[in-house]
Protein backbone atom coordinates (compact mmCIF):
# COMPACT_ATOMS: atom_id res chain seq x y z
CA UNK A 1 0.36 -0.17 -0.09
CA UNK A 2 1.53 3.41 -0.65
CA UNK A 3 0.83 5.24 2.88
CA UNK A 4 0.82 8.54 1.42
CA UNK A 5 -2.26 8.24 -0.46
CA UNK A 6 -3.84 8.38 2.72
CA UNK A 7 -2.86 12.19 2.30
CA UNK A 8 -4.35 15.40 1.20
CA UNK A 9 -2.86 16.26 -1.67
CA UNK A 10 -0.97 19.41 -0.10
CA UNK A 11 0.84 17.12 2.63
CA UNK A 12 1.72 14.11 -0.35
CA UNK A 13 3.36 16.74 -2.24
CA UNK A 14 5.57 17.54 0.79
CA UNK A 15 6.66 14.14 1.70
CA UNK A 16 10.21 12.95 1.21
CA UNK A 17 8.79 9.63 -0.09
CA UNK A 18 6.51 8.92 -2.93
CA UNK A 19 5.18 5.56 -1.30
CA UNK A 20 5.94 6.17 2.97
CA UNK A 21 4.96 9.44 4.72
CA UNK A 22 8.21 11.64 5.67
CA UNK A 23 7.00 15.04 6.51
CA UNK A 24 8.38 18.03 8.06
CA UNK A 25 7.34 18.66 11.83
CA UNK A 26 4.54 20.74 11.37
CA UNK A 27 3.26 18.96 8.49
CA UNK A 28 3.51 15.58 10.47
CA UNK A 29 1.68 16.77 13.53
CA UNK A 30 -1.09 17.35 10.72
CA UNK A 31 -0.72 13.84 8.97
CA UNK A 32 -0.97 12.25 12.70
CA UNK A 33 -4.48 13.46 13.38
CA UNK A 34 -5.47 12.97 9.50
CA UNK A 35 -4.20 9.13 10.16
CA UNK A 36 -5.82 8.88 13.60
CA UNK A 37 -8.81 10.33 12.47
CA UNK A 38 -9.09 7.40 9.56
CA UNK A 39 -8.73 4.85 12.03
CA UNK A 40 -4.77 3.75 11.58
CA UNK A 41 -2.51 3.23 14.25
CA UNK A 42 1.09 4.90 14.39
CA UNK A 43 3.23 2.24 15.07
CA UNK A 44 6.25 4.58 15.22
CA UNK A 45 8.61 6.74 13.47
CA UNK A 46 12.22 7.58 12.00
CA UNK A 47 14.16 10.43 11.95
CA UNK A 48 15.25 11.80 8.08
CA UNK A 49 17.41 14.81 7.46
CA UNK A 50 16.88 16.74 4.24
CA UNK A 51 20.17 18.66 3.32
CA UNK A 52 19.93 22.09 1.71
CA UNK A 53 20.99 20.35 -1.62
CA UNK A 54 17.47 18.57 -1.57
CA UNK A 55 18.94 15.32 -0.87
CA UNK A 56 18.23 13.18 2.31
CA UNK A 57 18.89 10.31 4.49
CA UNK A 58 19.15 9.09 7.91
CA UNK A 59 20.95 11.21 10.27
CA UNK A 60 24.13 10.12 11.91
CA UNK A 61 22.51 9.49 15.02
CA UNK A 62 19.55 7.17 14.77
CA UNK A 63 16.15 8.56 16.34
CA UNK A 64 12.70 7.35 16.56
CA UNK A 65 10.14 5.45 18.36
CA UNK A 66 8.65 2.44 18.38
CA UNK A 67 4.97 1.78 19.94
CA UNK A 68 5.25 -0.50 22.51
CA UNK A 69 2.16 -2.61 21.04
CA UNK A 70 -1.67 -2.98 21.90
CA UNK A 71 -2.52 -4.36 25.23
CA UNK A 72 -5.02 -6.99 25.41
CA UNK A 73 -8.98 -5.98 25.57
CA UNK A 74 -7.81 -2.78 24.33
CA UNK A 75 -9.90 -1.07 21.94
CA UNK A 76 -8.89 -0.03 18.82
CA UNK A 77 -10.10 2.90 19.02
CA UNK A 78 -8.05 3.78 21.98
CA UNK A 79 -5.07 2.14 20.87
CA UNK A 80 -5.22 4.37 18.06
CA UNK A 81 -5.47 7.34 19.98
CA UNK A 82 -2.67 6.20 22.55
CA UNK A 83 -0.45 5.55 19.43
CA UNK A 84 -1.07 8.98 18.07
CA UNK A 85 -0.71 11.07 21.67
CA UNK A 86 2.52 8.71 22.23
CA UNK A 87 3.76 9.51 18.65
CA UNK A 88 3.42 13.33 18.77
CA UNK A 89 4.65 13.62 21.75
CA UNK A 90 8.35 12.03 20.77
CA UNK A 91 8.53 14.05 17.94
CA UNK A 92 7.65 17.09 19.59
CA UNK A 93 10.27 16.23 21.76
CA UNK A 94 12.54 15.20 19.19
CA UNK A 95 12.09 18.32 17.39
CA UNK A 96 12.76 20.39 20.48
CA UNK A 97 15.89 18.64 21.16
CA UNK A 98 16.77 19.03 17.18
CA UNK A 99 16.05 23.10 17.67
CA UNK A 100 18.78 23.27 20.01
CA UNK A 101 21.37 21.29 18.96
CA UNK A 102 20.69 21.95 15.65
CA UNK A 103 24.14 23.32 14.12
CA UNK A 104 23.14 24.32 10.58
CA UNK A 105 20.17 26.07 8.78
CA UNK A 106 20.89 23.78 5.89
CA UNK A 107 19.33 20.51 7.40
CA UNK A 108 15.61 19.97 8.11
CA UNK A 109 14.48 17.14 10.45
CA UNK A 110 11.75 14.87 8.69
CA UNK A 111 9.62 12.44 10.65
CA UNK A 112 8.98 9.16 8.48
CA UNK A 113 5.64 7.77 10.24
CA UNK A 114 5.03 3.71 10.49
CA UNK A 115 1.61 2.62 10.24
CA UNK A 116 -1.03 -0.03 10.80
CA UNK A 117 -4.36 -0.16 10.00
CA UNK A 118 -7.16 -2.50 11.94
CA UNK A 119 -6.41 -6.12 11.34
CA UNK A 120 -3.54 -5.58 9.49
CA UNK A 121 -0.25 -7.41 10.33
CA UNK A 122 2.31 -4.73 11.58
CA UNK A 123 4.32 -4.00 9.01
CA UNK A 124 7.89 -1.87 8.64
CA UNK A 125 7.26 1.56 6.60
CA UNK A 126 10.77 2.68 6.39
CA UNK A 127 13.70 1.23 5.34
């Protein structure tokens, strides 16, 4: 599945990947809300860096967060909200850290989101 198809065109165009959701901070927060509203859980996220020359890749130090999994008896709706909140909190924390530590305006932090639909086997979206 092409995960970017779940987003409005304006966000899709900003993704670093045509298949995966890889967006800058504010757009990532928008995507979290859209995905949760559509019933997708957030399985985690991974940091990507976009350089001034347009190239992108992973930072030297791995950054990201993996969700802890659905608890027995937890409703899907509650799980979706919990994963959205967890990802939002950890993404906001990482962006604040990035803003403090960033040594160059020539690099932008992006977030690759791993998602899962109800009754879908967990998948790894970010290479």
